[in-house]
Amino acid sequence: MSEKYAPFETEPTLLYDKDTFKIVAGKAYTNKDEKFCIGLNSNGFPTNAYLIFPPQLSLDLLRNLLGQDGAKNDEIIKFIKIITDKQ
């Protein structure tokens, strides 16, 4: 596992960044069967450590982030499309 992007295989896409929270999406080592996973990083400690959300929460979480201050709406919409296309 790469310590640089742990637990993601490559640099994850930033979806939300406000105050001390970052929410990202990317391909995680632990969920190989999922197209992507959503991770939460708080306060940047420990470095590159993320709480990975269960796939069942992804669509609701992304919908709730849309339009929020700090949200990267274009990126969020891309990931919502990935989820809805596979259903």
N, C-alpha and C. Protein backbone atom coordinates (compact mmCIF):
# COMPACT_ATOMS: atom_id res chain seq x y z
N MET A 1 0.84 -1.17 0.00
CA MET A 1 0.00 0.00 0.00
C MET A 1 0.88 1.24 0.00
N SER A 2 0.54 2.18 -0.81
CA SER A 2 1.28 3.43 -0.89
C SER A 2 0.94 4.31 0.31
N GLU A 3 1.96 4.74 1.03
CA GLU A 3 1.73 5.65 2.16
C GLU A 3 1.32 7.02 1.67
N LYS A 4 1.66 7.34 0.43
CA LYS A 4 1.37 8.67 -0.10
C LYS A 4 -0.13 8.92 -0.21
N TYR A 5 -0.88 7.92 -0.64
CA TYR A 5 -2.33 8.08 -0.86
C TYR A 5 -3.15 7.12 0.00
N ALA A 6 -2.54 6.54 1.02
CA ALA A 6 -3.22 5.51 1.82
C ALA A 6 -4.60 6.00 2.24
N PRO A 7 -5.63 5.20 2.14
CA PRO A 7 -5.74 3.83 1.64
C PRO A 7 -6.12 3.76 0.15
N PHE A 8 -5.89 4.84 -0.59
CA PHE A 8 -6.26 4.89 -2.00
C PHE A 8 -5.09 4.49 -2.89
N GLU A 9 -5.40 3.82 -4.01
CA GLU A 9 -4.37 3.35 -4.94
C GLU A 9 -3.67 4.52 -5.63
N THR A 10 -4.43 5.53 -5.99
CA THR A 10 -3.88 6.74 -6.62
C THR A 10 -4.43 7.95 -5.88
N GLU A 11 -3.96 9.12 -6.20
CA GLU A 11 -4.43 10.31 -5.51
C GLU A 11 -5.94 10.45 -5.68
N PRO A 12 -6.68 10.51 -4.58
CA PRO A 12 -8.14 10.62 -4.68
C PRO A 12 -8.57 12.01 -5.14
N THR A 13 -9.78 12.09 -5.66
CA THR A 13 -10.37 13.34 -6.13
C THR A 13 -11.00 14.08 -4.95
N LEU A 14 -10.66 15.33 -4.79
CA LEU A 14 -11.22 16.15 -3.73
C LEU A 14 -12.65 16.53 -4.07
N LEU A 15 -13.59 16.21 -3.15
CA LEU A 15 -14.99 16.53 -3.35
C LEU A 15 -15.46 17.67 -2.45
N TYR A 16 -14.83 17.79 -1.30
CA TYR A 16 -15.27 18.78 -0.31
C TYR A 16 -14.08 19.17 0.54
N ASP A 17 -13.93 20.46 0.79
CA ASP A 17 -12.83 20.95 1.61
C ASP A 17 -13.29 22.20 2.34
N LYS A 18 -13.53 22.07 3.61
CA LYS A 18 -13.95 23.22 4.41
C LYS A 18 -13.46 23.04 5.83
N ASP A 19 -12.93 24.10 6.36
CA ASP A 19 -12.40 24.09 7.73
C ASP A 19 -11.37 22.97 7.86
N THR A 20 -11.62 22.01 8.72
CA THR A 20 -10.64 20.95 8.95
C THR A 20 -11.04 19.62 8.31
N PHE A 21 -12.09 19.63 7.48
CA PHE A 21 -12.57 18.39 6.87
C PHE A 21 -12.31 18.37 5.38
N LYS A 22 -11.93 17.19 4.90
CA LYS A 22 -11.82 16.95 3.46
C LYS A 22 -12.55 15.65 3.18
N ILE A 23 -13.31 15.65 2.10
CA ILE A 23 -13.96 14.43 1.63
C ILE A 23 -13.46 14.18 0.22
N VAL A 24 -13.00 12.95 -0.01
CA VAL A 24 -12.41 12.58 -1.29
C VAL A 24 -13.06 11.31 -1.81
N ALA A 25 -12.84 11.04 -3.09
CA ALA A 25 -13.32 9.80 -3.70
C ALA A 25 -12.19 9.22 -4.54
N GLY A 26 -12.05 7.92 -4.50
CA GLY A 26 -11.03 7.25 -5.28
C GLY A 26 -11.11 5.74 -5.11
N LYS A 27 -10.24 5.05 -5.80
CA LYS A 27 -10.19 3.59 -5.74
C LYS A 27 -9.41 3.18 -4.50
N ALA A 28 -10.07 2.49 -3.59
CA ALA A 28 -9.43 2.09 -2.33
C ALA A 28 -8.92 0.65 -2.42
N TYR A 29 -7.83 0.39 -1.71
CA TYR A 29 -7.27 -0.96 -1.67
C TYR A 29 -8.23 -1.95 -1.02
N THR A 30 -9.01 -1.50 -0.05
CA THR A 30 -9.86 -2.40 0.72
C THR A 30 -11.15 -2.78 0.02
N ASN A 31 -11.59 -2.01 -0.96
CA ASN A 31 -12.85 -2.27 -1.64
C ASN A 31 -12.62 -2.41 -3.14
N LYS A 32 -11.92 -3.45 -3.53
CA LYS A 32 -11.54 -3.65 -4.94
C LYS A 32 -12.75 -3.80 -5.86
N ASP A 33 -13.87 -4.32 -5.35
CA ASP A 33 -15.04 -4.55 -6.20
C ASP A 33 -15.86 -3.29 -6.44
N GLU A 34 -15.56 -2.20 -5.74
CA GLU A 34 -16.27 -0.94 -5.92
C GLU A 34 -15.54 -0.05 -6.93
N LYS A 35 -16.29 0.71 -7.74
CA LYS A 35 -15.66 1.61 -8.70
C LYS A 35 -14.90 2.72 -7.99
N PHE A 36 -15.40 3.15 -6.84
CA PHE A 36 -14.71 4.15 -6.03
C PHE A 36 -15.24 4.08 -4.60
N CYS A 37 -14.51 4.66 -3.70
CA CYS A 37 -14.92 4.77 -2.31
C CYS A 37 -14.80 6.23 -1.88
N ILE A 38 -15.57 6.61 -0.89
CA ILE A 38 -15.53 7.96 -0.36
C ILE A 38 -14.82 7.91 0.98
N GLY A 39 -13.89 8.84 1.17
CA GLY A 39 -13.14 8.90 2.41
C GLY A 39 -13.22 10.28 3.05
N LEU A 40 -13.19 10.29 4.38
CA LEU A 40 -13.23 11.53 5.16
C LEU A 40 -11.91 11.67 5.90
N ASN A 41 -11.31 12.85 5.78
CA ASN A 41 -10.08 13.17 6.50
C ASN A 41 -10.38 14.37 7.37
N SER A 42 -10.02 14.27 8.65
CA SER A 42 -10.29 15.36 9.58
C SER A 42 -9.00 15.83 10.24
N ASN A 43 -8.77 17.12 10.19
CA ASN A 43 -7.61 17.76 10.81
C ASN A 43 -6.27 17.31 10.23
N GLY A 44 -6.26 16.53 9.17
CA GLY A 44 -5.02 16.12 8.53
C GLY A 44 -4.14 15.23 9.40
N PHE A 45 -4.71 14.67 10.45
CA PHE A 45 -3.92 13.80 11.32
C PHE A 45 -4.65 12.50 11.54
N PRO A 46 -4.03 11.38 11.41
CA PRO A 46 -2.69 11.22 10.86
C PRO A 46 -2.68 11.49 9.35
N THR A 47 -1.54 11.81 8.83
CA THR A 47 -1.40 12.17 7.43
C THR A 47 -1.92 11.06 6.53
N ASN A 48 -2.74 11.45 5.56
CA ASN A 48 -3.32 10.53 4.57
C ASN A 48 -4.14 9.40 5.17
N ALA A 49 -4.70 9.60 6.35
CA ALA A 49 -5.60 8.61 6.95
C ALA A 49 -7.03 9.05 6.67
N TYR A 50 -7.86 8.11 6.25
CA TYR A 50 -9.24 8.41 5.89
C TYR A 50 -10.19 7.41 6.53
N LEU A 51 -11.35 7.88 6.91
CA LEU A 51 -12.45 7.02 7.27
C LEU A 51 -13.17 6.71 5.97
N ILE A 52 -13.28 5.43 5.62
CA ILE A 52 -13.93 5.03 4.37
C ILE A 52 -15.40 4.74 4.67
N PHE A 53 -16.29 5.42 3.93
CA PHE A 53 -17.71 5.23 4.10
C PHE A 53 -18.17 3.96 3.40
N PRO A 54 -19.18 3.27 3.95
CA PRO A 54 -19.74 2.10 3.27
C PRO A 54 -20.36 2.52 1.94
N PRO A 55 -20.26 1.68 0.92
CA PRO A 55 -20.80 2.02 -0.40
C PRO A 55 -22.29 2.37 -0.39
N GLN A 56 -23.05 1.81 0.55
CA GLN A 56 -24.48 2.07 0.61
C GLN A 56 -24.79 3.53 0.93
N LEU A 57 -23.86 4.24 1.53
CA LEU A 57 -24.07 5.64 1.90
C LEU A 57 -23.59 6.63 0.84
N SER A 58 -22.89 6.15 -0.15
CA SER A 58 -22.24 7.04 -1.12
C SER A 58 -23.19 8.00 -1.82
N LEU A 59 -24.27 7.48 -2.38
CA LEU A 59 -25.18 8.33 -3.15
C LEU A 59 -25.82 9.40 -2.27
N ASP A 60 -26.31 9.02 -1.11
CA ASP A 60 -26.93 10.00 -0.20
C ASP A 60 -25.92 11.05 0.25
N LEU A 61 -24.72 10.62 0.57
CA LEU A 61 -23.68 11.55 1.01
C LEU A 61 -23.34 12.55 -0.10
N LEU A 62 -23.18 12.06 -1.31
CA LEU A 62 -22.85 12.95 -2.43
C LEU A 62 -23.98 13.94 -2.70
N ARG A 63 -25.20 13.48 -2.65
CA ARG A 63 -26.35 14.37 -2.87
C ARG A 63 -26.39 15.47 -1.81
N ASN A 64 -26.09 15.11 -0.57
CA ASN A 64 -26.10 16.09 0.51
C ASN A 64 -24.97 17.10 0.40
N LEU A 65 -23.88 16.72 -0.21
CA LEU A 65 -22.75 17.64 -0.36
C LEU A 65 -22.99 18.68 -1.45
N LEU A 66 -23.80 18.34 -2.45
CA LEU A 66 -24.05 19.26 -3.57
C LEU A 66 -24.53 20.62 -3.07
N GLY A 67 -23.89 21.66 -3.54
CA GLY A 67 -24.29 23.01 -3.22
C GLY A 67 -23.80 23.54 -1.89
N GLN A 68 -23.13 22.70 -1.12
CA GLN A 68 -22.61 23.15 0.17
C GLN A 68 -21.38 24.02 -0.02
N ASP A 69 -21.16 24.94 0.90
CA ASP A 69 -19.97 25.77 0.88
C ASP A 69 -18.75 24.85 1.06
N GLY A 70 -17.82 24.90 0.15
CA GLY A 70 -16.65 24.04 0.18
C GLY A 70 -16.75 22.83 -0.72
N ALA A 71 -17.92 22.62 -1.33
CA ALA A 71 -18.13 21.47 -2.20
C ALA A 71 -17.60 21.74 -3.61
N LYS A 72 -17.03 20.72 -4.22
CA LYS A 72 -16.57 20.78 -5.61
C LYS A 72 -17.68 20.12 -6.45
N ASN A 73 -18.70 20.91 -6.78
CA ASN A 73 -19.92 20.39 -7.39
C ASN A 73 -19.69 19.62 -8.68
N ASP A 74 -18.80 20.08 -9.54
CA ASP A 74 -18.54 19.38 -10.80
C ASP A 74 -18.04 17.96 -10.55
N GLU A 75 -17.14 17.81 -9.59
CA GLU A 75 -16.60 16.49 -9.26
C GLU A 75 -17.66 15.61 -8.62
N ILE A 76 -18.47 16.18 -7.74
CA ILE A 76 -19.53 15.43 -7.08
C ILE A 76 -20.50 14.89 -8.11
N ILE A 77 -20.88 15.70 -9.07
CA ILE A 77 -21.82 15.27 -10.11
C ILE A 77 -21.23 14.12 -10.93
N LYS A 78 -19.95 14.14 -11.22
CA LYS A 78 -19.31 13.03 -11.94
C LYS A 78 -19.46 11.72 -11.18
N PHE A 79 -19.25 11.77 -9.86
CA PHE A 79 -19.35 10.54 -9.08
C PHE A 79 -20.79 10.09 -8.88
N ILE A 80 -21.73 11.02 -8.79
CA ILE A 80 -23.16 10.65 -8.74
C ILE A 80 -23.54 9.92 -10.02
N LYS A 81 -23.05 10.41 -11.15
CA LYS A 81 -23.33 9.77 -12.44
C LYS A 81 -22.77 8.34 -12.48
N ILE A 82 -21.58 8.15 -11.94
CA ILE A 82 -21.00 6.78 -11.90
C ILE A 82 -21.90 5.84 -11.11
N ILE A 83 -22.39 6.31 -9.98
CA ILE A 83 -23.26 5.46 -9.13
C ILE A 83 -24.58 5.16 -9.83
N THR A 84 -25.22 6.18 -10.38
CA THR A 84 -26.54 5.99 -10.98
C THR A 84 -26.46 5.19 -12.28
N ASP A 85 -25.35 5.26 -12.99
CA ASP A 85 -25.19 4.48 -14.22
C ASP A 85 -25.07 3.00 -13.95
N LYS A 86 -24.53 2.61 -12.78
CA LYS A 86 -24.33 1.19 -12.50
C LYS A 86 -25.56 0.53 -11.88
N GLN A 87 -26.58 1.33 -11.49
CA GLN A 87 -27.77 0.75 -10.87
C GLN A 87 -28.75 0.24 -11.88
